[in-house]
Amino acid sequence: MKIGELSRRTGVSVRMLRYYEGEGLLAPQRTGSGYRDYGPAEEETVRRIKMLGSAGMTLETIQQLLPCVRNNDPAFTPCNELRRILAQQVGLIDERIETLSQSRTILAGYLASVN
């Protein structure tokens, strides 16, 4: 499929897809005339990038993690430093949860005081 179709199917802009390619996250085949030719594997990779990004991971972290996540099985074979990366990401998410919880408590207190 062409890049426009991949964009439509994944909800990721053409510009971002080209950026992913430039960062080495995608490596589409090329047609004889030089057009990018994306297949199901690239579509799945884009979906994984979106999922990992929505979990709060940076593109740099996704670049490190993505080679370890190549199939649809949630139990994947760890690659070098995977445990460290995942533990770090869980810690970052825990910190965000704590910050949001504190913010919620403060805002709820403000709301209660104005009622």
N, C-alpha and C. Protein backbone atom coordinates (compact mmCIF):
# COMPACT_ATOMS: atom_id res chain seq x y z
N MET A 1 0.85 -1.18 0.00
CA MET A 1 0.00 0.00 0.00
C MET A 1 0.89 1.23 0.00
N LYS A 2 0.36 2.30 -0.51
CA LYS A 2 1.11 3.55 -0.55
C LYS A 2 1.01 4.25 0.80
N ILE A 3 1.85 5.25 1.00
CA ILE A 3 1.95 5.93 2.28
C ILE A 3 0.62 6.60 2.69
N GLY A 4 -0.13 7.12 1.72
CA GLY A 4 -1.41 7.75 2.03
C GLY A 4 -2.41 6.75 2.61
N GLU A 5 -2.40 5.55 2.06
CA GLU A 5 -3.29 4.49 2.55
C GLU A 5 -2.88 4.07 3.96
N LEU A 6 -1.58 3.93 4.19
CA LEU A 6 -1.11 3.58 5.54
C LEU A 6 -1.51 4.67 6.53
N SER A 7 -1.40 5.91 6.12
CA SER A 7 -1.79 7.03 6.96
C SER A 7 -3.27 6.94 7.31
N ARG A 8 -4.09 6.69 6.32
CA ARG A 8 -5.53 6.58 6.54
C ARG A 8 -5.87 5.42 7.47
N ARG A 9 -5.22 4.29 7.28
CA ARG A 9 -5.53 3.09 8.06
C ARG A 9 -5.04 3.17 9.50
N THR A 10 -4.00 3.93 9.74
CA THR A 10 -3.42 3.99 11.09
C THR A 10 -3.73 5.29 11.84
N GLY A 11 -4.16 6.31 11.10
CA GLY A 11 -4.42 7.59 11.74
C GLY A 11 -3.15 8.38 12.03
N VAL A 12 -2.06 8.01 11.39
CA VAL A 12 -0.78 8.70 11.56
C VAL A 12 -0.51 9.50 10.29
N SER A 13 -0.11 10.74 10.44
CA SER A 13 0.08 11.60 9.28
C SER A 13 1.20 11.08 8.37
N VAL A 14 1.11 11.42 7.11
CA VAL A 14 2.15 11.06 6.15
C VAL A 14 3.49 11.61 6.61
N ARG A 15 3.48 12.83 7.09
CA ARG A 15 4.72 13.47 7.56
C ARG A 15 5.34 12.65 8.70
N MET A 16 4.51 12.19 9.65
CA MET A 16 5.03 11.40 10.77
C MET A 16 5.53 10.04 10.28
N LEU A 17 4.85 9.44 9.33
CA LEU A 17 5.31 8.17 8.78
C LEU A 17 6.69 8.33 8.14
N ARG A 18 6.89 9.42 7.44
CA ARG A 18 8.21 9.68 6.84
C ARG A 18 9.25 9.91 7.93
N TYR A 19 8.85 10.56 9.01
CA TYR A 19 9.75 10.77 10.14
C TYR A 19 10.14 9.43 10.76
N TYR A 20 9.16 8.55 10.97
CA TYR A 20 9.45 7.21 11.49
C TYR A 20 10.45 6.49 10.59
N GLU A 21 10.27 6.62 9.29
CA GLU A 21 11.19 5.99 8.35
C GLU A 21 12.59 6.59 8.50
N GLY A 22 12.66 7.90 8.60
CA GLY A 22 13.95 8.57 8.77
C GLY A 22 14.65 8.17 10.05
N GLU A 23 13.88 7.84 11.08
CA GLU A 23 14.44 7.42 12.37
C GLU A 23 14.75 5.93 12.41
N GLY A 24 14.45 5.23 11.32
CA GLY A 24 14.77 3.80 11.24
C GLY A 24 13.71 2.89 11.84
N LEU A 25 12.54 3.42 12.16
CA LEU A 25 11.47 2.60 12.73
C LEU A 25 10.69 1.85 11.66
N LEU A 26 10.66 2.39 10.46
CA LEU A 26 9.98 1.76 9.33
C LEU A 26 10.97 1.63 8.18
N ALA A 27 10.85 0.53 7.46
CA ALA A 27 11.71 0.32 6.29
C ALA A 27 10.86 -0.28 5.18
N PRO A 28 10.01 0.54 4.54
CA PRO A 28 9.14 0.00 3.50
C PRO A 28 9.92 -0.42 2.26
N GLN A 29 9.33 -1.34 1.54
CA GLN A 29 9.88 -1.71 0.24
C GLN A 29 9.66 -0.53 -0.71
N ARG A 30 10.35 -0.55 -1.82
CA ARG A 30 10.16 0.49 -2.84
C ARG A 30 9.70 -0.18 -4.13
N THR A 31 8.79 0.50 -4.81
CA THR A 31 8.36 -0.01 -6.11
C THR A 31 9.44 0.33 -7.14
N GLY A 32 9.28 -0.19 -8.33
CA GLY A 32 10.23 0.09 -9.40
C GLY A 32 10.35 1.58 -9.70
N SER A 33 9.27 2.32 -9.46
CA SER A 33 9.29 3.76 -9.71
C SER A 33 9.68 4.56 -8.47
N GLY A 34 10.07 3.86 -7.39
CA GLY A 34 10.57 4.55 -6.20
C GLY A 34 9.56 4.87 -5.12
N TYR A 35 8.28 4.53 -5.35
CA TYR A 35 7.27 4.79 -4.33
C TYR A 35 7.44 3.83 -3.14
N ARG A 36 7.13 4.32 -1.96
CA ARG A 36 7.14 3.46 -0.78
C ARG A 36 6.00 2.45 -0.92
N ASP A 37 6.27 1.21 -0.55
CA ASP A 37 5.26 0.16 -0.61
C ASP A 37 5.18 -0.50 0.76
N TYR A 38 4.15 -0.13 1.53
CA TYR A 38 3.98 -0.62 2.89
C TYR A 38 3.12 -1.87 2.89
N GLY A 39 3.47 -2.80 3.75
CA GLY A 39 2.70 -4.02 3.89
C GLY A 39 2.11 -4.14 5.28
N PRO A 40 1.51 -5.29 5.57
CA PRO A 40 0.90 -5.51 6.88
C PRO A 40 1.90 -5.38 8.04
N ALA A 41 3.14 -5.77 7.83
CA ALA A 41 4.14 -5.67 8.91
C ALA A 41 4.39 -4.21 9.28
N GLU A 42 4.48 -3.35 8.30
CA GLU A 42 4.70 -1.93 8.58
C GLU A 42 3.47 -1.32 9.25
N GLU A 43 2.30 -1.73 8.82
CA GLU A 43 1.07 -1.24 9.46
C GLU A 43 1.05 -1.63 10.94
N GLU A 44 1.40 -2.86 11.23
CA GLU A 44 1.43 -3.32 12.62
C GLU A 44 2.50 -2.57 13.42
N THR A 45 3.63 -2.30 12.80
CA THR A 45 4.68 -1.55 13.47
C THR A 45 4.19 -0.15 13.85
N VAL A 46 3.49 0.50 12.94
CA VAL A 46 2.95 1.84 13.21
C VAL A 46 1.95 1.76 14.38
N ARG A 47 1.13 0.74 14.40
CA ARG A 47 0.16 0.59 15.50
C ARG A 47 0.90 0.39 16.84
N ARG A 48 1.98 -0.36 16.82
CA ARG A 48 2.76 -0.55 18.05
C ARG A 48 3.41 0.75 18.50
N ILE A 49 3.94 1.51 17.55
CA ILE A 49 4.55 2.80 17.87
C ILE A 49 3.51 3.69 18.53
N LYS A 50 2.29 3.74 17.97
CA LYS A 50 1.22 4.55 18.55
C LYS A 50 0.89 4.08 19.96
N MET A 51 0.77 2.77 20.15
CA MET A 51 0.42 2.22 21.45
C MET A 51 1.49 2.55 22.49
N LEU A 52 2.74 2.35 22.13
CA LEU A 52 3.84 2.65 23.06
C LEU A 52 3.92 4.15 23.33
N GLY A 53 3.69 4.96 22.33
CA GLY A 53 3.68 6.41 22.51
C GLY A 53 2.55 6.86 23.42
N SER A 54 1.38 6.23 23.28
CA SER A 54 0.25 6.61 24.13
C SER A 54 0.48 6.17 25.57
N ALA A 55 1.39 5.23 25.78
CA ALA A 55 1.76 4.81 27.14
C ALA A 55 2.78 5.77 27.74
N GLY A 56 3.15 6.80 26.97
CA GLY A 56 4.05 7.82 27.50
C GLY A 56 5.51 7.63 27.13
N MET A 57 5.79 6.65 26.29
CA MET A 57 7.18 6.40 25.92
C MET A 57 7.64 7.39 24.87
N THR A 58 8.87 7.81 24.98
CA THR A 58 9.46 8.69 23.98
C THR A 58 9.84 7.88 22.75
N LEU A 59 10.04 8.56 21.64
CA LEU A 59 10.43 7.87 20.43
C LEU A 59 11.78 7.16 20.61
N GLU A 60 12.66 7.76 21.38
CA GLU A 60 13.96 7.13 21.66
C GLU A 60 13.77 5.80 22.38
N THR A 61 12.88 5.76 23.36
CA THR A 61 12.61 4.51 24.08
C THR A 61 11.94 3.50 23.17
N ILE A 62 11.01 3.98 22.34
CA ILE A 62 10.32 3.09 21.40
C ILE A 62 11.33 2.47 20.45
N GLN A 63 12.31 3.24 20.01
CA GLN A 63 13.34 2.70 19.12
C GLN A 63 14.10 1.56 19.79
N GLN A 64 14.32 1.67 21.08
CA GLN A 64 15.03 0.60 21.81
C GLN A 64 14.14 -0.61 22.03
N LEU A 65 12.86 -0.38 22.29
CA LEU A 65 11.95 -1.45 22.63
C LEU A 65 11.39 -2.18 21.42
N LEU A 66 11.13 -1.46 20.35
CA LEU A 66 10.44 -2.02 19.19
C LEU A 66 11.09 -3.28 18.61
N PRO A 67 12.40 -3.38 18.53
CA PRO A 67 12.98 -4.61 17.99
C PRO A 67 12.63 -5.86 18.80
N CYS A 68 12.26 -5.70 20.06
CA CYS A 68 11.91 -6.84 20.90
C CYS A 68 10.45 -7.23 20.73
N VAL A 69 9.64 -6.39 20.16
CA VAL A 69 8.20 -6.62 20.03
C VAL A 69 7.88 -6.77 18.55
N ARG A 70 7.97 -7.98 18.05
CA ARG A 70 7.80 -8.17 16.61
C ARG A 70 6.59 -9.01 16.24
N ASN A 71 5.90 -9.62 17.20
CA ASN A 71 4.72 -10.38 16.85
C ASN A 71 3.55 -9.94 17.72
N ASN A 72 2.41 -10.58 17.56
CA ASN A 72 1.22 -10.17 18.30
C ASN A 72 1.12 -10.81 19.67
N ASP A 73 2.05 -11.68 20.01
CA ASP A 73 2.04 -12.35 21.30
C ASP A 73 2.49 -11.38 22.39
N PRO A 74 1.67 -11.19 23.44
CA PRO A 74 2.08 -10.25 24.49
C PRO A 74 3.32 -10.73 25.26
N ALA A 75 3.59 -12.03 25.23
CA ALA A 75 4.80 -12.55 25.87
C ALA A 75 5.88 -12.64 24.80
N PHE A 76 6.81 -11.70 24.83
CA PHE A 76 7.83 -11.67 23.79
C PHE A 76 9.19 -11.98 24.41
N THR A 77 10.12 -12.32 23.57
CA THR A 77 11.46 -12.66 24.03
C THR A 77 12.22 -11.39 24.35
N PRO A 78 12.70 -11.25 25.59
CA PRO A 78 13.43 -10.03 25.95
C PRO A 78 14.73 -9.90 25.17
N CYS A 79 15.06 -8.69 24.82
CA CYS A 79 16.35 -8.43 24.22
C CYS A 79 17.16 -7.60 25.22
N ASN A 80 18.39 -7.30 24.89
CA ASN A 80 19.28 -6.61 25.82
C ASN A 80 18.64 -5.36 26.39
N GLU A 81 18.76 -5.22 27.68
CA GLU A 81 18.33 -4.03 28.43
C GLU A 81 16.82 -3.83 28.47
N LEU A 82 16.06 -4.80 28.00
CA LEU A 82 14.60 -4.64 27.97
C LEU A 82 14.03 -4.46 29.37
N ARG A 83 14.46 -5.25 30.32
CA ARG A 83 13.92 -5.12 31.69
C ARG A 83 14.20 -3.74 32.26
N ARG A 84 15.39 -3.22 32.02
CA ARG A 84 15.73 -1.90 32.52
C ARG A 84 14.83 -0.84 31.90
N ILE A 85 14.63 -0.92 30.60
CA ILE A 85 13.79 0.05 29.90
C ILE A 85 12.36 -0.02 30.42
N LEU A 86 11.82 -1.23 30.54
CA LEU A 86 10.45 -1.37 31.01
C LEU A 86 10.30 -0.89 32.45
N ALA A 87 11.24 -1.24 33.31
CA ALA A 87 11.17 -0.79 34.70
C ALA A 87 11.23 0.73 34.78
N GLN A 88 12.06 1.33 33.97
CA GLN A 88 12.17 2.79 33.94
C GLN A 88 10.86 3.41 33.48
N GLN A 89 10.24 2.85 32.46
CA GLN A 89 8.98 3.38 31.96
C GLN A 89 7.86 3.22 32.99
N VAL A 90 7.81 2.08 33.67
CA VAL A 90 6.80 1.88 34.72
C VAL A 90 7.00 2.91 35.82
N GLY A 91 8.24 3.17 36.19
CA GLY A 91 8.54 4.19 37.20
C GLY A 91 8.07 5.57 36.78
N LEU A 92 8.30 5.92 35.52
CA LEU A 92 7.86 7.22 35.01
C LEU A 92 6.34 7.34 35.03
N ILE A 93 5.66 6.27 34.66
CA ILE A 93 4.20 6.28 34.69
C ILE A 93 3.71 6.40 36.13
N ASP A 94 4.34 5.68 37.06
CA ASP A 94 3.97 5.78 38.47
C ASP A 94 4.13 7.22 38.98
N GLU A 95 5.21 7.88 38.57
CA GLU A 95 5.41 9.28 38.97
C GLU A 95 4.31 10.18 38.43
N ARG A 96 3.92 9.95 37.18
CA ARG A 96 2.84 10.76 36.59
C ARG A 96 1.52 10.52 37.31
N ILE A 97 1.26 9.25 37.65
CA ILE A 97 0.03 8.93 38.39
C ILE A 97 0.03 9.65 39.73
N GLU A 98 1.13 9.64 40.44
CA GLU A 98 1.22 10.31 41.74
C GLU A 98 1.00 11.81 41.60
N THR A 99 1.62 12.41 40.59
CA THR A 99 1.45 13.84 40.36
C THR A 99 0.00 14.17 40.02
N LEU A 100 -0.61 13.38 39.18
CA LEU A 100 -2.02 13.60 38.83
C LEU A 100 -2.92 13.41 40.04
N SER A 101 -2.63 12.44 40.86
CA SER A 101 -3.42 12.21 42.07
C SER A 101 -3.34 13.40 43.01
N GLN A 102 -2.14 13.94 43.17
CA GLN A 102 -1.98 15.13 44.02
C GLN A 102 -2.74 16.32 43.43
N SER A 103 -2.64 16.49 42.13
CA SER A 103 -3.35 17.59 41.47
C SER A 103 -4.86 17.43 41.63
N ARG A 104 -5.34 16.22 41.51
CA ARG A 104 -6.77 15.96 41.67
C ARG A 104 -7.22 16.31 43.08
N THR A 105 -6.46 15.92 44.07
CA THR A 105 -6.80 16.22 45.47
C THR A 105 -6.89 17.73 45.69
N ILE A 106 -5.93 18.47 45.15
CA ILE A 106 -5.93 19.92 45.30
C ILE A 106 -7.15 20.53 44.62
N LEU A 107 -7.42 20.12 43.38
CA LEU A 107 -8.56 20.68 42.66
C LEU A 107 -9.89 20.32 43.31
N ALA A 108 -10.01 19.09 43.80
CA ALA A 108 -11.23 18.68 44.49
C ALA A 108 -11.43 19.52 45.75
N GLY A 109 -10.34 19.83 46.44
CA GLY A 109 -10.41 20.68 47.62
C GLY A 109 -10.90 22.09 47.26
N TYR A 110 -10.38 22.64 46.17
CA TYR A 110 -10.82 23.95 45.71
C TYR A 110 -12.32 23.92 45.38
N LEU A 111 -12.72 22.87 44.67
CA LEU A 111 -14.12 22.74 44.28
C LEU A 111 -15.02 22.66 45.52
N ALA A 112 -14.62 21.88 46.49
CA ALA A 112 -15.41 21.74 47.71
C ALA A 112 -15.53 23.06 48.47
N SER A 113 -14.49 23.88 48.40
CA SER A 113 -14.51 25.14 49.15
C SER A 113 -15.37 26.21 48.49
N VAL A 114 -15.68 26.07 47.21
CA VAL A 114 -16.49 27.08 46.53
C VAL A 114 -17.96 26.67 46.44
N ASN A 115 -18.30 25.52 46.90
CA ASN A 115 -19.71 25.07 46.87
C ASN A 115 -20.46 25.51 48.08
